[in-house]
C-alpha atoms as a PDB file:
ATOM      1  CA  UNK A   1       0.000   0.000   0.000  1.00  0.00           C
ATOM      2  CA  UNK A   2       2.867   2.355   0.805  1.00  0.00           C
ATOM      3  CA  UNK A   3       4.266   2.000  -2.708  1.00  0.00           C
ATOM      4  CA  UNK A   4       0.863   2.519  -4.333  1.00  0.00           C
ATOM      5  CA  UNK A   5       0.236   5.618  -2.204  1.00  0.00           C
ATOM      6  CA  UNK A   6       3.655   7.005  -3.068  1.00  0.00           C
ATOM      7  CA  UNK A   7       3.303   6.377  -6.816  1.00  0.00           C
ATOM      8  CA  UNK A   8      -0.406   7.154  -7.047  1.00  0.00           C
ATOM      9  CA  UNK A   9      -0.982   4.054  -9.150  1.00  0.00           C
ATOM     10  CA  UNK A  10       1.261   1.099  -9.842  1.00  0.00           C
ATOM     11  CA  UNK A  11       1.501  -2.238 -11.576  1.00  0.00           C
ATOM     12  CA  UNK A  12       2.707  -5.357  -9.780  1.00  0.00           C
ATOM     13  CA  UNK A  13       6.103  -4.957 -11.513  1.00  0.00           C
ATOM     14  CA  UNK A  14       6.408  -1.361 -10.316  1.00  0.00           C
ATOM     15  CA  UNK A  15       5.586  -2.397  -6.746  1.00  0.00           C
ATOM     16  CA  UNK A  16       8.235  -5.143  -6.950  1.00  0.00           C
ATOM     17  CA  UNK A  17      10.849  -2.616  -8.116  1.00  0.00           C
ATOM     18  CA  UNK A  18      10.121  -0.384  -5.114  1.00  0.00           C
ATOM     19  CA  UNK A  19      10.392  -3.074  -2.435  1.00  0.00           C
ATOM     20  CA  UNK A  20      13.803  -3.414  -0.752  1.00  0.00           C
ATOM     21  CA  UNK A  21      13.604  -7.202  -0.334  1.00  0.00           C
ATOM     22  CA  UNK A  22      10.767  -8.221  -2.649  1.00  0.00           C
ATOM     23  CA  UNK A  23       8.943 -11.520  -2.529  1.00  0.00           C
ATOM     24  CA  UNK A  24       8.009 -13.277  -5.763  1.00  0.00           C
ATOM     25  CA  UNK A  25       5.935 -11.616  -8.491  1.00  0.00           C
ATOM     26  CA  UNK A  26       3.056 -13.989  -7.792  1.00  0.00           C
ATOM     27  CA  UNK A  27       3.138 -13.179  -4.049  1.00  0.00           C
ATOM     28  CA  UNK A  28       2.869  -9.444  -4.762  1.00  0.00           C
ATOM     29  CA  UNK A  29       0.153 -10.040  -7.351  1.00  0.00           C
ATOM     30  CA  UNK A  30      -1.756 -12.150  -4.830  1.00  0.00           C
ATOM     31  CA  UNK A  31      -1.441  -9.464  -2.148  1.00  0.00           C
ATOM     32  CA  UNK A  32      -2.635  -6.781  -4.569  1.00  0.00           C
ATOM     33  CA  UNK A  33      -5.614  -8.945  -5.489  1.00  0.00           C
ATOM     34  CA  UNK A  34      -6.394  -9.518  -1.796  1.00  0.00           C
ATOM     35  CA  UNK A  35      -6.166  -5.790  -1.068  1.00  0.00           C
ATOM     36  CA  UNK A  36      -8.534  -5.189  -3.961  1.00  0.00           C
ATOM     37  CA  UNK A  37     -11.001  -7.801  -2.649  1.00  0.00           C
ATOM     38  CA  UNK A  38     -10.911  -6.089   0.751  1.00  0.00           C
ATOM     39  CA  UNK A  39     -11.687  -2.761  -0.914  1.00  0.00           C
ATOM     40  CA  UNK A  40      -8.336  -1.034  -0.334  1.00  0.00           C
ATOM     41  CA  UNK A  41      -7.305  -0.994  -4.002  1.00  0.00           C
ATOM     42  CA  UNK A  42      -9.030  -0.856  -7.366  1.00  0.00           C
ATOM     43  CA  UNK A  43      -7.510  -1.444 -10.779  1.00  0.00           C
ATOM     44  CA  UNK A  44      -7.668  -0.212 -14.340  1.00  0.00           C
ATOM     45  CA  UNK A  45      -6.447  -2.237 -17.252  1.00  0.00           C
ATOM     46  CA  UNK A  46      -3.806  -0.566 -19.381  1.00  0.00           C
ATOM     47  CA  UNK A  47      -2.895  -2.805 -22.280  1.00  0.00           C
ATOM     48  CA  UNK A  48      -2.014  -6.175 -20.803  1.00  0.00           C
ATOM     49  CA  UNK A  49      -1.283  -4.928 -17.293  1.00  0.00           C
ATOM     50  CA  UNK A  50      -3.381  -3.824 -14.346  1.00  0.00           C
ATOM     51  CA  UNK A  51      -2.643  -0.524 -12.654  1.00  0.00           C
ATOM     52  CA  UNK A  52      -3.709  -0.486  -9.023  1.00  0.00           C
ATOM     53  CA  UNK A  53      -4.882   2.647  -7.200  1.00  0.00           C
ATOM     54  CA  UNK A  54      -5.939   3.205  -3.588  1.00  0.00           C
ATOM     55  CA  UNK A  55      -9.683   3.506  -3.022  1.00  0.00           C
ATOM     56  CA  UNK A  56      -9.261   5.916  -0.099  1.00  0.00           C
ATOM     57  CA  UNK A  57      -6.847   8.620   0.939  1.00  0.00           C
ATOM     58  CA  UNK A  58      -3.732   7.693   2.858  1.00  0.00           C
ATOM     59  CA  UNK A  59      -4.958   9.313   6.079  1.00  0.00           C
ATOM     60  CA  UNK A  60      -8.200   7.321   5.972  1.00  0.00           C
ATOM     61  CA  UNK A  61      -6.243   4.112   5.296  1.00  0.00           C
ATOM     62  CA  UNK A  62      -3.870   4.842   8.179  1.00  0.00           C
ATOM     63  CA  UNK A  63      -6.777   5.421  10.561  1.00  0.00           C
ATOM     64  CA  UNK A  64      -8.466   2.204   9.472  1.00  0.00           C
ATOM     65  CA  UNK A  65      -5.254   0.177   9.808  1.00  0.00           C
ATOM     66  CA  UNK A  66      -4.464   1.656  13.212  1.00  0.00           C
ATOM     67  CA  UNK A  67      -8.010   1.012  14.458  1.00  0.00           C
ATOM     68  CA  UNK A  68      -7.673  -2.617  13.358  1.00  0.00           C
ATOM     69  CA  UNK A  69      -4.249  -2.949  15.027  1.00  0.00           C
ATOM     70  CA  UNK A  70      -5.501  -1.465  18.309  1.00  0.00           C
ATOM     71  CA  UNK A  71      -8.455  -3.880  18.340  1.00  0.00           C
ATOM     72  CA  UNK A  72      -6.297  -6.876  17.387  1.00  0.00           C
ATOM     73  CA  UNK A  73      -3.170  -6.392  19.489  1.00  0.00           C
ATOM     74  CA  UNK A  74      -4.267  -4.109  22.337  1.00  0.00           C
ATOM     75  CA  UNK A  75      -7.779  -5.346  23.089  1.00  0.00           C
ATOM     76  CA  UNK A  76      -9.240  -2.097  21.793  1.00  0.00           C
ATOM     77  CA  UNK A  77      -7.272  -0.016  24.303  1.00  0.00           C
ATOM     78  CA  UNK A  78      -5.940   3.186  22.760  1.00  0.00           C
ATOM     79  CA  UNK A  79      -4.140   3.826  26.055  1.00  0.00           C
ATOM     80  CA  UNK A  80      -2.203   0.559  25.830  1.00  0.00           C
ATOM     81  CA  UNK A  81      -1.316   1.229  22.185  1.00  0.00           C
ATOM     82  CA  UNK A  82      -0.161   4.791  22.902  1.00  0.00           C
ATOM     83  CA  UNK A  83       1.852   3.676  25.944  1.00  0.00           C
ATOM     84  CA  UNK A  84       3.572   0.986  23.876  1.00  0.00           C
ATOM     85  CA  UNK A  85       4.468   3.514  21.187  1.00  0.00           C
ATOM     86  CA  UNK A  86       5.868   5.931  23.745  1.00  0.00           C
ATOM     87  CA  UNK A  87       7.908   3.171  25.419  1.00  0.00           C
ATOM     88  CA  UNK A  88       9.667   2.117  22.205  1.00  0.00           C
ATOM     89  CA  UNK A  89      13.433   2.613  22.535  1.00  0.00           C
ATOM     90  CA  UNK A  90      13.581   4.741  19.378  1.00  0.00           C
ATOM     91  CA  UNK A  91      10.538   6.897  20.265  1.00  0.00           C
ATOM     92  CA  UNK A  92      12.233  10.267  20.445  1.00  0.00           C
ATOM     93  CA  UNK A  93       9.688  13.023  20.953  1.00  0.00           C
ATOM     94  CA  UNK A  94      10.484  16.647  20.276  1.00  0.00           C
ATOM     95  CA  UNK A  95       9.087  19.491  22.365  1.00  0.00           C
ATOM     96  CA  UNK A  96       6.634  20.091  19.522  1.00  0.00           C
ATOM     97  CA  UNK A  97       5.528  16.429  19.603  1.00  0.00           C
ATOM     98  CA  UNK A  98       5.000  16.576  23.384  1.00  0.00           C
ATOM     99  CA  UNK A  99       3.039  19.816  23.079  1.00  0.00           C
ATOM    100  CA  UNK A 100       0.787  18.303  20.423  1.00  0.00           C
ATOM    101  CA  UNK A 101       0.160  15.215  22.553  1.00  0.00           C
ATOM    102  CA  UNK A 102      -0.643  17.381  25.581  1.00  0.00           C
ATOM    103  CA  UNK A 103      -3.159  19.378  23.533  1.00  0.00           C
ATOM    104  CA  UNK A 104      -4.802  16.194  22.233  1.00  0.00           C
ATOM    105  CA  UNK A 105      -5.066  14.781  25.777  1.00  0.00           C
ATOM    106  CA  UNK A 106      -6.535  18.061  27.057  1.00  0.00           C
ATOM    107  CA  UNK A 107      -9.042  18.085  24.189  1.00  0.00           C
ATOM    108  CA  UNK A 108     -10.022  14.456  24.849  1.00  0.00           C
ATOM    109  CA  UNK A 109     -10.577  15.256  28.545  1.00  0.00           C
ATOM    110  CA  UNK A 110     -12.768  18.254  27.739  1.00  0.00           C
ATOM    111  CA  UNK A 111     -14.826  16.140  25.325  1.00  0.00           C
ATOM    112  CA  UNK A 112     -15.230  13.384  27.942  1.00  0.00           C
ATOM    113  CA  UNK A 113     -13.362  10.754  25.940  1.00  0.00           C
END
C-alpha cells in the first residue's frame, strides 16, 4: 500500500521494483488482489497490465489500519497502544511532539473521551 500511495498508481512490476527485499511476483500479485477484494485498491487495465490505485486517501487508510491494530493487538485499548508507542526505545519526541500530545489529551478530557 505504501508503494501505491507514493506512486499514485502502480503495476505489480512497479511495486516489486520499489520493495527493498521483494517476494516473488506472484506473491505481490496475490497481495494486490487480496487488497482489492478487501476494498483497499481498485484497478484499471492498461494494455495487458493492471494498474492499481488506492480507493481511499492515505490518512483514511492509516486510521483504518491503526483502528484494526488497536483492536487486534491491544484489546481495543488506545491507552495501551499509545503507551507501547511511547515506550519504544527509538521513540524520540520533540518538544513540539509533546506539546501536540498534551493538547490532544486536554481536548479528549474536555470532550469526555
